[in-house]
Amino acid sequence: MRVAMIGSGYVGLVSGACFADFGHVVTCVDKDPAKIEALTRGDIPIFEPGLDDLVATNVKEGRLSFATDLTEAVRSADAVFIAVGTPSRRGDGHADLSYVYQAARDIAKVMDGYTVIVTKSTVPVGTGDEVERIVRETRPDADFAVVSNPEFLREGAAIADFKRPDRIVIGTDDERARRVMAEVYRPLYLNQAPILYTGRRTAELTKYAANAFLATKITFINEIADLCEKVGANVQEVARGIGLDNRIGGKFLHAGPGYGGSCFPKDTLALIKTAQDAGSPMRIVETVAAVNDQRKRAMARKVIAACGGSVRGKTVAVLGLTFKPNTDDMREAPALSIITALQDSGARIRAYDPEGMEQAQSLLEHVTYCDNAYDCVEGADALVIVTEWNAFRALDLDRVKGQMKAPIVVDLRNIYRADEMARRGFLYVSVGRPDGAADADGLM
């Protein structure tokens, strides 16, 4: 099969490289010449484990190429995927679909013969209808079908998710398009990956519903964590107790500073707006979004409380900036709100992240970026663990304590044991665990 991938960002590049690895011939297209030049040189603009090797292998084998002009790629393609950004629109929170619609126009102008146009971008219900209208308006003579095929990739594990998916959702009522999509995904039949064929609007809503539900699980366990701190329960044990119920499941039940990233914040907001416009407001999701926004700054207040009620003039070391480990993505990362709130309260910030510091520099001011975790904690009045990178899970705690001005650790990911931290002489505060809160009270 010949595949054109319009958009070479996170979704487009990962999907294109994986399709090429299946044996398809893939061209990834992007209007940014600098990005295409970098990709052609073998420089990957995003951090995703294993992606650089996957791209290099398939470029070498001649199955993957890059271009700024989509004409040749689209004309020869069996399937053309739209994988451009759909950020929140300024002012109202709706998904900005301008890039999707422009891609549809550009595809329509050059496509030749029967073409399956596949929306891979996360889009609100009804977007496929508008894409079809745009293509029909631009090329009344065209023979084509528009399909919804949402992605369900986790940053940091995207390649594994693509090659061993929980499910593949394909939204189309066109039998020819269904056959093309079946052939595109045929290599996954060996893994017996379930393919769910639905209507196009159903597929579009499925993506939003999945992200909103996962965001709800995260927010739910975070609120349970707050209650645990008040009543003397342990949120990790509560999460395990409910997660062992197969109807609930243990994933996304890890208390922390709130969700971030490129998907959950914008997708929950877009779903809220879609539901409001349809006259069927989603009160649960509205509350999830509001609670999550408030939680990030609440974590800064937890740090301030651990420091005796004030951080003015104090140095706070922050380990972890990205919204999750194994990515360089800083979009809506909790660290942004936490650091800003601490700075607003007069703190000086030192920070270290294995991959996110370059991205963070364009988003945060007056932060001292460090070469490693130990450099970061040097002379600090408090240490805050915001992102649970593996490199932070087994720090030399005696060395950390020796380098800090005061042995205060606020662990927003619960990666250390409170009894061990207390034994080593730390004032240790975690999330949703009474032992951490008791340690803090006892040492203050």
Protein backbone atom coordinates (compact mmCIF):
# COMPACT_ATOMS: atom_id res chain seq x y z
CA MET A 1 0.00 0.00 0.00
CA ARG A 2 1.08 3.59 -0.60
CA VAL A 3 0.30 6.00 2.24
CA ALA A 4 0.51 9.77 2.46
CA MET A 5 0.67 11.28 5.95
CA ILE A 6 -0.25 14.97 5.96
CA GLY A 7 1.38 16.45 9.04
CA SER A 8 4.68 15.25 10.49
CA GLY A 9 4.16 16.10 14.13
CA TYR A 10 3.87 13.57 16.91
CA VAL A 11 0.94 11.54 15.54
CA GLY A 12 1.90 11.83 11.88
CA LEU A 13 5.55 10.90 12.35
CA VAL A 14 4.93 7.96 14.68
CA SER A 15 2.07 6.63 12.55
CA GLY A 16 4.00 7.10 9.30
CA ALA A 17 7.10 5.36 10.64
CA CYS A 18 5.04 2.44 11.98
CA PHE A 19 3.11 2.03 8.72
CA ALA A 20 6.43 2.00 6.87
CA ASP A 21 7.72 -0.64 9.27
CA PHE A 22 4.71 -2.76 8.33
CA GLY A 23 5.99 -2.69 4.75
CA HIS A 24 3.87 0.10 3.29
CA VAL A 25 5.49 2.92 1.29
CA VAL A 26 4.91 6.12 3.26
CA THR A 27 5.53 9.80 2.56
CA CYS A 28 5.24 12.18 5.51
CA VAL A 29 4.39 15.70 4.40
CA ASP A 30 4.77 18.92 6.35
CA LYS A 31 4.69 22.58 5.33
CA ASP A 32 7.58 23.41 7.66
CA PRO A 33 10.74 23.18 5.49
CA ALA A 34 13.03 23.17 8.53
CA LYS A 35 11.20 20.15 9.99
CA ILE A 36 11.39 18.22 6.71
CA GLU A 37 15.07 19.08 6.26
CA ALA A 38 15.77 17.85 9.79
CA LEU A 39 13.84 14.62 9.25
CA THR A 40 15.64 14.02 5.96
CA ARG A 41 18.95 14.40 7.81
CA GLY A 42 17.75 11.92 10.43
CA ASP A 43 17.16 14.51 13.15
CA ILE A 44 13.93 13.69 14.99
CA PRO A 45 12.19 16.85 16.30
CA ILE A 46 10.44 15.07 19.17
CA PHE A 47 11.60 12.65 21.85
CA GLU A 48 9.87 9.30 21.68
CA PRO A 49 11.75 6.15 22.72
CA GLY A 50 12.75 4.07 19.68
CA LEU A 51 11.44 6.51 17.08
CA ASP A 52 14.84 7.62 15.79
CA ASP A 53 15.89 4.05 15.01
CA LEU A 54 12.51 3.23 13.47
CA VAL A 55 12.69 6.25 11.16
CA ALA A 56 16.32 5.60 10.19
CA THR A 57 15.66 1.95 9.37
CA ASN A 58 12.67 2.63 7.14
CA VAL A 59 14.30 5.58 5.37
CA LYS A 60 17.28 3.33 4.63
CA GLU A 61 14.96 0.62 3.28
CA GLY A 62 13.23 3.15 1.03
CA ARG A 63 9.82 2.76 2.62
CA LEU A 64 9.72 6.17 4.37
CA SER A 65 10.38 9.59 2.87
CA PHE A 66 9.61 13.22 3.65
CA ALA A 67 8.35 16.13 1.56
CA THR A 68 7.01 19.67 1.83
CA ASP A 69 4.76 19.31 -1.23
CA LEU A 70 1.92 16.81 -1.02
CA THR A 71 1.15 16.53 -4.75
CA GLU A 72 3.14 13.43 -5.64
CA ALA A 73 2.44 11.67 -2.35
CA VAL A 74 -1.33 12.19 -2.58
CA ARG A 75 -1.66 11.28 -6.25
CA SER A 76 0.02 7.92 -5.74
CA ALA A 77 -1.58 7.11 -2.37
CA ASP A 78 -4.19 4.48 -1.61
CA ALA A 79 -4.89 6.25 1.69
CA VAL A 80 -4.18 9.84 2.68
CA PHE A 81 -4.08 10.48 6.42
CA ILE A 82 -4.72 13.92 7.88
CA ALA A 83 -2.59 14.17 11.03
CA VAL A 84 -2.34 17.90 11.63
CA GLY A 85 -2.80 19.76 14.89
CA THR A 86 -6.19 20.60 16.40
CA PRO A 87 -5.27 22.94 19.27
CA SER A 88 -7.82 24.69 21.45
CA ARG A 89 -9.07 27.78 19.66
CA ARG A 90 -8.24 31.05 21.33
CA GLY A 91 -11.15 32.65 23.10
CA ASP A 92 -13.73 29.88 23.24
CA GLY A 93 -12.01 26.53 23.81
CA HIS A 94 -13.38 24.84 20.69
CA ALA A 95 -10.96 22.73 18.66
CA ASP A 96 -9.26 24.79 15.96
CA LEU A 97 -9.97 22.82 12.78
CA SER A 98 -8.43 25.26 10.33
CA TYR A 99 -5.43 23.00 9.66
CA VAL A 100 -7.67 20.00 9.05
CA TYR A 101 -9.86 21.90 6.60
CA GLN A 102 -6.88 23.37 4.76
CA ALA A 103 -5.39 19.90 4.42
CA ALA A 104 -8.69 18.70 2.96
CA ARG A 105 -8.60 21.47 0.35
CA ASP A 106 -5.00 20.76 -0.53
CA ILE A 107 -5.66 17.03 -0.89
CA ALA A 108 -8.75 17.62 -3.03
CA LYS A 109 -6.85 19.79 -5.50
CA VAL A 110 -4.29 17.12 -6.39
CA MET A 111 -5.79 13.67 -5.72
CA ASP A 112 -6.11 11.34 -8.69
CA GLY A 113 -8.48 8.38 -8.85
CA TYR A 114 -10.30 6.79 -5.93
CA THR A 115 -8.79 8.10 -2.71
CA VAL A 116 -9.51 7.27 0.92
CA ILE A 117 -9.04 10.40 3.05
CA VAL A 118 -8.50 9.40 6.67
CA THR A 119 -8.83 11.81 9.58
CA LYS A 120 -6.20 10.76 12.12
CA SER A 121 -6.26 14.07 13.99
CA THR A 122 -8.49 14.27 17.05
CA VAL A 123 -11.57 16.14 15.85
CA PRO A 124 -15.09 16.89 17.15
CA VAL A 125 -18.15 15.01 15.99
CA GLY A 126 -19.17 16.08 12.51
CA THR A 127 -15.72 17.08 11.29
CA GLY A 128 -15.66 14.24 8.77
CA ASP A 129 -18.92 15.57 7.29
CA GLU A 130 -17.33 18.98 6.80
CA VAL A 131 -14.17 17.47 5.32
CA GLU A 132 -16.33 15.57 2.85
CA ARG A 133 -18.23 18.76 1.97
CA ILE A 134 -14.99 20.69 1.42
CA VAL A 135 -13.52 18.01 -0.83
CA ARG A 136 -16.76 17.72 -2.79
CA GLU A 137 -16.94 21.50 -3.19
CA THR A 138 -13.31 21.72 -4.29
CA ARG A 139 -13.48 18.72 -6.65
CA PRO A 140 -17.06 17.89 -7.68
CA ASP A 141 -15.74 15.16 -9.98
CA ALA A 142 -13.66 13.38 -7.31
CA ASP A 143 -14.07 9.72 -6.38
CA PHE A 144 -13.26 9.47 -2.68
CA ALA A 145 -14.36 8.49 0.82
CA VAL A 146 -13.70 10.19 4.15
CA VAL A 147 -12.89 7.90 7.07
CA SER A 148 -12.37 8.58 10.78
CA ASN A 149 -9.48 6.61 12.31
CA PRO A 150 -8.63 8.19 15.67
CA GLU A 151 -5.27 7.51 17.32
CA PHE A 152 -4.89 6.14 20.84
CA LEU A 153 -1.14 6.58 21.33
CA ARG A 154 0.44 7.22 24.71
CA GLU A 155 3.45 9.50 24.59
CA GLY A 156 6.47 7.53 25.73
CA ALA A 157 4.95 4.24 24.54
CA ALA A 158 3.58 5.25 21.16
CA ILE A 159 5.37 2.71 18.99
CA ALA A 160 4.27 -0.21 21.15
CA ASP A 161 0.73 1.19 21.23
CA PHE A 162 0.64 1.46 17.44
CA LYS A 163 1.99 -2.02 16.84
CA ARG A 164 0.06 -3.75 19.63
CA PRO A 165 -3.10 -1.68 20.01
CA ASP A 166 -5.96 -2.39 22.36
CA ARG A 167 -8.25 -1.66 19.41
CA ILE A 168 -8.37 0.05 16.03
CA VAL A 169 -11.44 2.20 15.43
CA ILE A 170 -12.44 2.80 11.81
CA GLY A 171 -15.43 4.99 11.11
CA THR A 172 -16.91 4.55 7.65
CA ASP A 173 -20.03 3.29 5.90
CA ASP A 174 -18.23 3.03 2.53
CA GLU A 175 -17.44 -0.59 1.65
CA ARG A 176 -14.54 0.28 -0.67
CA ALA A 177 -12.99 2.45 2.01
CA ARG A 178 -13.43 -0.33 4.52
CA ARG A 179 -11.49 -2.72 2.28
CA VAL A 180 -8.67 -0.21 1.86
CA MET A 181 -8.42 0.36 5.60
CA ALA A 182 -8.48 -3.38 6.25
CA GLU A 183 -5.48 -3.73 3.94
CA VAL A 184 -3.64 -0.82 5.57
CA TYR A 185 -3.97 -2.51 8.95
CA ARG A 186 -3.64 -6.09 7.69
CA PRO A 187 -0.17 -6.56 9.29
CA LEU A 188 -1.82 -6.21 12.69
CA TYR A 189 -4.12 -9.16 12.04
CA LEU A 190 -1.22 -11.39 13.13
CA ASN A 191 -1.48 -9.81 16.58
CA GLN A 192 -5.25 -10.28 16.49
CA ALA A 193 -5.74 -6.59 17.16
CA PRO A 194 -9.49 -5.98 17.36
CA ILE A 195 -10.77 -3.70 14.61
CA LEU A 196 -14.01 -1.92 15.43
CA TYR A 197 -15.93 -0.65 12.40
CA THR A 198 -18.42 2.09 13.22
CA GLY A 199 -20.12 5.06 11.69
CA ARG A 200 -17.88 8.08 11.16
CA ARG A 201 -19.44 10.23 13.85
CA THR A 202 -19.29 7.36 16.33
CA ALA A 203 -15.56 6.97 15.71
CA GLU A 204 -14.99 10.69 16.23
CA LEU A 205 -16.86 10.68 19.53
CA THR A 206 -15.15 7.49 20.71
CA LYS A 207 -11.78 9.26 20.82
CA TYR A 208 -13.10 12.15 22.91
CA ALA A 209 -15.07 9.83 25.19
CA ALA A 210 -11.95 7.71 25.85
CA ASN A 211 -9.78 10.68 26.79
CA ALA A 212 -12.50 12.25 28.92
CA PHE A 213 -13.01 8.99 30.82
CA LEU A 214 -9.28 8.61 31.52
CA ALA A 215 -9.06 12.23 32.63
CA THR A 216 -11.99 11.54 34.95
CA LYS A 217 -10.19 8.55 36.51
CA ILE A 218 -7.12 10.69 37.18
CA THR A 219 -9.17 13.48 38.72
CA PHE A 220 -11.23 11.05 40.77
CA ILE A 221 -8.20 9.45 42.40
CA ASN A 222 -6.69 12.88 43.02
CA GLU A 223 -9.78 13.94 44.94
CA ILE A 224 -9.72 10.64 46.83
CA ALA A 225 -6.08 11.45 47.69
CA ASP A 226 -7.14 14.77 49.19
CA LEU A 227 -9.75 12.98 51.28
CA CYS A 228 -7.19 10.38 52.35
CA GLU A 229 -4.98 13.13 53.75
CA LYS A 230 -7.90 14.46 55.81
CA VAL A 231 -9.11 11.15 57.23
CA GLY A 232 -5.85 9.23 57.60
CA ALA A 233 -6.15 6.75 54.73
CA ASN A 234 -3.58 5.74 52.11
CA VAL A 235 -4.52 6.56 48.51
CA GLN A 236 -2.15 3.97 47.03
CA GLU A 237 -3.86 1.21 48.98
CA VAL A 238 -7.29 2.60 48.09
CA ALA A 239 -6.29 2.65 44.40
CA ARG A 240 -5.13 -0.94 44.56
CA GLY A 241 -8.26 -1.96 46.44
CA ILE A 242 -10.56 -0.56 43.79
CA GLY A 243 -8.28 -1.25 40.82
CA LEU A 244 -8.36 -5.00 41.42
CA ASP A 245 -12.04 -4.83 40.53
CA ASN A 246 -12.06 -5.74 36.83
CA ARG A 247 -14.91 -3.33 36.24
CA ILE A 248 -12.64 -0.46 37.33
CA GLY A 249 -9.08 -1.51 36.50
CA GLY A 250 -5.88 -0.21 38.03
CA LYS A 251 -4.62 2.05 35.25
CA PHE A 252 -4.82 5.84 35.64
CA LEU A 253 -5.40 5.53 39.37
CA HIS A 254 -2.12 7.14 40.45
CA ALA A 255 -2.55 10.26 42.55
CA GLY A 256 -0.42 13.22 41.53
CA PRO A 257 -0.38 16.87 40.48
CA GLY A 258 -3.05 16.56 37.79
CA TYR A 259 -3.05 15.64 34.11
CA GLY A 260 -1.40 17.59 31.33
CA GLY A 261 -0.05 16.95 27.85
CA SER A 262 -1.25 17.53 24.33
CA CYS A 263 -4.48 15.51 24.56
CA PHE A 264 -6.43 15.47 27.82
CA PRO A 265 -6.66 19.24 28.46
CA LYS A 266 -7.69 20.24 24.95
CA ASP A 267 -9.84 17.18 24.28
CA THR A 268 -11.87 17.47 27.47
CA LEU A 269 -12.43 21.15 26.70
CA ALA A 270 -13.44 20.42 23.11
CA LEU A 271 -15.87 17.73 24.26
CA ILE A 272 -17.38 20.16 26.76
CA LYS A 273 -17.92 22.72 24.00
CA THR A 274 -19.34 20.14 21.59
CA ALA A 275 -21.79 18.93 24.24
CA GLN A 276 -22.87 22.46 25.11
CA ASP A 277 -23.47 23.29 21.45
CA ALA A 278 -25.53 20.11 21.09
CA GLY A 279 -27.66 21.07 24.07
CA SER A 280 -26.41 18.09 26.10
CA PRO A 281 -23.90 19.49 28.59
CA MET A 282 -21.47 17.08 30.24
CA ARG A 283 -21.39 18.21 33.85
CA ILE A 284 -18.97 15.51 34.97
CA VAL A 285 -16.37 16.43 32.36
CA GLU A 286 -16.85 20.14 33.08
CA THR A 287 -16.06 19.46 36.75
CA VAL A 288 -13.06 17.27 35.84
CA ALA A 289 -11.52 20.09 33.79
CA ALA A 290 -12.13 22.67 36.52
CA VAL A 291 -10.79 20.47 39.32
CA ASN A 292 -7.67 19.59 37.33
CA ASP A 293 -6.86 23.25 36.66
CA GLN A 294 -7.18 24.06 40.35
CA ARG A 295 -5.11 21.08 41.45
CA LYS A 296 -1.89 22.21 39.81
CA ARG A 297 -1.64 25.40 41.84
CA ALA A 298 -2.83 23.49 44.92
CA MET A 299 0.36 21.44 44.61
CA ALA A 300 2.36 24.66 44.88
CA ARG A 301 0.49 25.42 48.12
CA LYS A 302 1.50 21.97 49.38
CA VAL A 303 5.15 22.90 48.77
CA ILE A 304 4.72 26.25 50.53
CA ALA A 305 3.12 24.54 53.54
CA ALA A 306 6.00 22.07 53.74
CA CYS A 307 8.40 25.02 53.84
CA GLY A 308 6.70 26.44 56.91
CA GLY A 309 4.16 28.64 55.14
CA SER A 310 6.48 30.76 53.00
CA VAL A 311 8.98 30.25 50.16
CA ARG A 312 9.88 33.91 49.77
CA GLY A 313 13.61 34.15 49.19
CA LYS A 314 13.99 30.38 49.29
CA THR A 315 15.42 28.11 46.58
CA VAL A 316 13.17 25.30 45.41
CA ALA A 317 14.63 22.46 43.32
CA VAL A 318 12.21 20.93 40.83
CA LEU A 319 12.90 17.49 39.38
CA GLY A 320 10.80 16.75 36.32
CA LEU A 321 9.23 19.30 33.98
CA THR A 322 7.45 17.33 31.25
CA PHE A 323 3.86 16.26 31.83
CA LYS A 324 4.96 12.60 32.02
CA PRO A 325 8.20 10.60 31.71
CA ASN A 326 9.74 9.49 28.40
CA THR A 327 8.67 12.55 26.45
CA ASP A 328 9.89 16.11 25.90
CA ASP A 329 6.31 17.41 25.75
CA MET A 330 5.71 20.44 27.99
CA ARG A 331 2.18 21.19 26.81
CA GLU A 332 -0.08 21.85 29.82
CA ALA A 333 2.51 20.21 32.09
CA PRO A 334 1.67 20.57 35.81
CA ALA A 335 5.23 21.85 36.36
CA LEU A 336 4.35 25.05 34.51
CA SER A 337 1.60 26.02 36.96
CA ILE A 338 3.51 24.79 40.00
CA ILE A 339 6.68 26.71 39.15
CA THR A 340 4.78 29.88 38.25
CA ALA A 341 2.85 29.74 41.52
CA LEU A 342 6.05 29.24 43.52
CA GLN A 343 7.68 32.15 41.71
CA ASP A 344 4.62 34.28 42.43
CA SER A 345 5.21 33.49 46.11
CA GLY A 346 8.83 34.64 45.92
CA ALA A 347 10.72 31.39 45.37
CA ARG A 348 13.85 30.97 43.28
CA ILE A 349 13.61 27.89 41.04
CA ARG A 350 16.28 25.43 40.01
CA ALA A 351 15.09 22.68 37.64
CA TYR A 352 16.24 19.56 35.88
CA ASP A 353 14.50 17.26 33.39
CA PRO A 354 16.19 14.61 31.22
CA GLU A 355 14.41 15.74 28.03
CA GLY A 356 12.15 18.74 28.65
CA MET A 357 14.44 21.65 29.45
CA GLU A 358 14.78 22.98 25.91
CA GLN A 359 11.00 23.12 25.56
CA ALA A 360 10.61 24.57 29.06
CA GLN A 361 12.94 27.49 28.39
CA SER A 362 10.45 29.02 25.97
CA LEU A 363 7.63 28.69 28.51
CA LEU A 364 9.23 29.62 31.83
CA GLU A 365 11.30 32.64 32.82
CA HIS A 366 13.83 33.15 35.60
CA VAL A 367 14.52 29.45 36.09
CA THR A 368 18.03 28.06 36.58
CA TYR A 369 18.35 24.88 34.51
CA CYS A 370 20.78 22.29 35.81
CA ASP A 371 22.88 19.49 34.30
CA ASN A 372 21.61 16.71 36.56
CA ALA A 373 19.52 15.98 39.64
CA TYR A 374 22.35 16.51 42.11
CA ASP A 375 23.33 19.85 40.59
CA CYS A 376 19.65 20.82 40.86
CA VAL A 377 19.37 20.16 44.62
CA GLU A 378 22.60 22.00 45.51
CA GLY A 379 21.79 24.58 48.19
CA ALA A 380 18.03 24.07 47.86
CA ASP A 381 15.62 24.81 50.71
CA ALA A 382 13.19 22.22 49.33
CA LEU A 383 13.02 19.55 46.63
CA VAL A 384 9.86 18.91 44.62
CA ILE A 385 9.50 15.78 42.48
CA VAL A 386 6.98 16.63 39.75
CA THR A 387 7.61 14.01 37.03
CA GLU A 388 8.44 10.39 37.84
CA TRP A 389 11.37 9.81 35.48
CA ASN A 390 13.15 6.53 36.26
CA ALA A 391 16.35 8.48 36.96
CA PHE A 392 14.65 10.04 40.00
CA ARG A 393 13.45 6.77 41.55
CA ALA A 394 16.76 5.72 43.08
CA LEU A 395 18.59 8.91 43.98
CA ASP A 396 21.49 8.78 46.44
CA LEU A 397 19.41 10.21 49.25
CA ASP A 398 22.33 10.76 51.60
CA ARG A 399 24.04 12.79 48.89
CA VAL A 400 20.82 14.72 48.23
CA LYS A 401 20.44 15.56 51.91
CA GLY A 402 24.05 16.60 52.18
CA GLN A 403 23.76 19.02 49.29
CA MET A 404 20.46 20.61 50.33
CA LYS A 405 20.23 23.60 52.65
CA ALA A 406 17.16 22.05 54.30
CA PRO A 407 16.06 18.37 54.02
CA ILE A 408 12.52 19.03 52.76
CA VAL A 409 11.16 16.78 49.99
CA VAL A 410 7.70 17.14 48.46
CA ASP A 411 7.08 14.04 46.36
CA LEU A 412 4.10 14.69 44.08
CA ARG A 413 4.39 11.22 42.50
CA ASN A 414 4.77 9.07 45.63
CA ILE A 415 7.90 7.37 44.34
CA TYR A 416 9.57 7.13 47.78
CA ARG A 417 8.52 5.50 51.04
CA ALA A 418 7.70 7.85 53.86
CA ASP A 419 9.27 5.65 56.56
CA GLU A 420 12.54 5.43 54.62
CA MET A 421 12.65 9.19 54.05
CA ALA A 422 11.97 9.86 57.73
CA ARG A 423 14.69 7.40 58.73
CA ARG A 424 17.14 9.37 56.59
CA GLY A 425 16.12 12.60 58.29
CA PHE A 426 13.96 14.20 55.62
CA LEU A 427 10.81 16.19 56.18
CA TYR A 428 8.84 14.27 53.57
CA VAL A 429 5.44 15.14 52.13
CA SER A 430 3.66 12.98 49.56
CA VAL A 431 0.18 12.87 48.02
CA GLY A 432 -2.72 11.12 49.73
CA ARG A 433 -0.63 9.26 52.28
CA PRO A 434 -1.09 10.14 55.96
CA ASP A 435 2.39 8.95 56.87
CA GLY A 436 3.90 11.68 54.70
CA ALA A 437 1.68 14.36 56.20
CA ALA A 438 2.44 13.13 59.73
CA ASP A 439 6.18 13.29 59.06
CA ALA A 440 5.84 16.88 57.90
CA ASP A 441 3.84 17.92 60.96
CA GLY A 442 6.24 16.18 63.29
CA LEU A 443 9.37 17.80 61.87
CA MET A 444 7.96 21.29 61.51
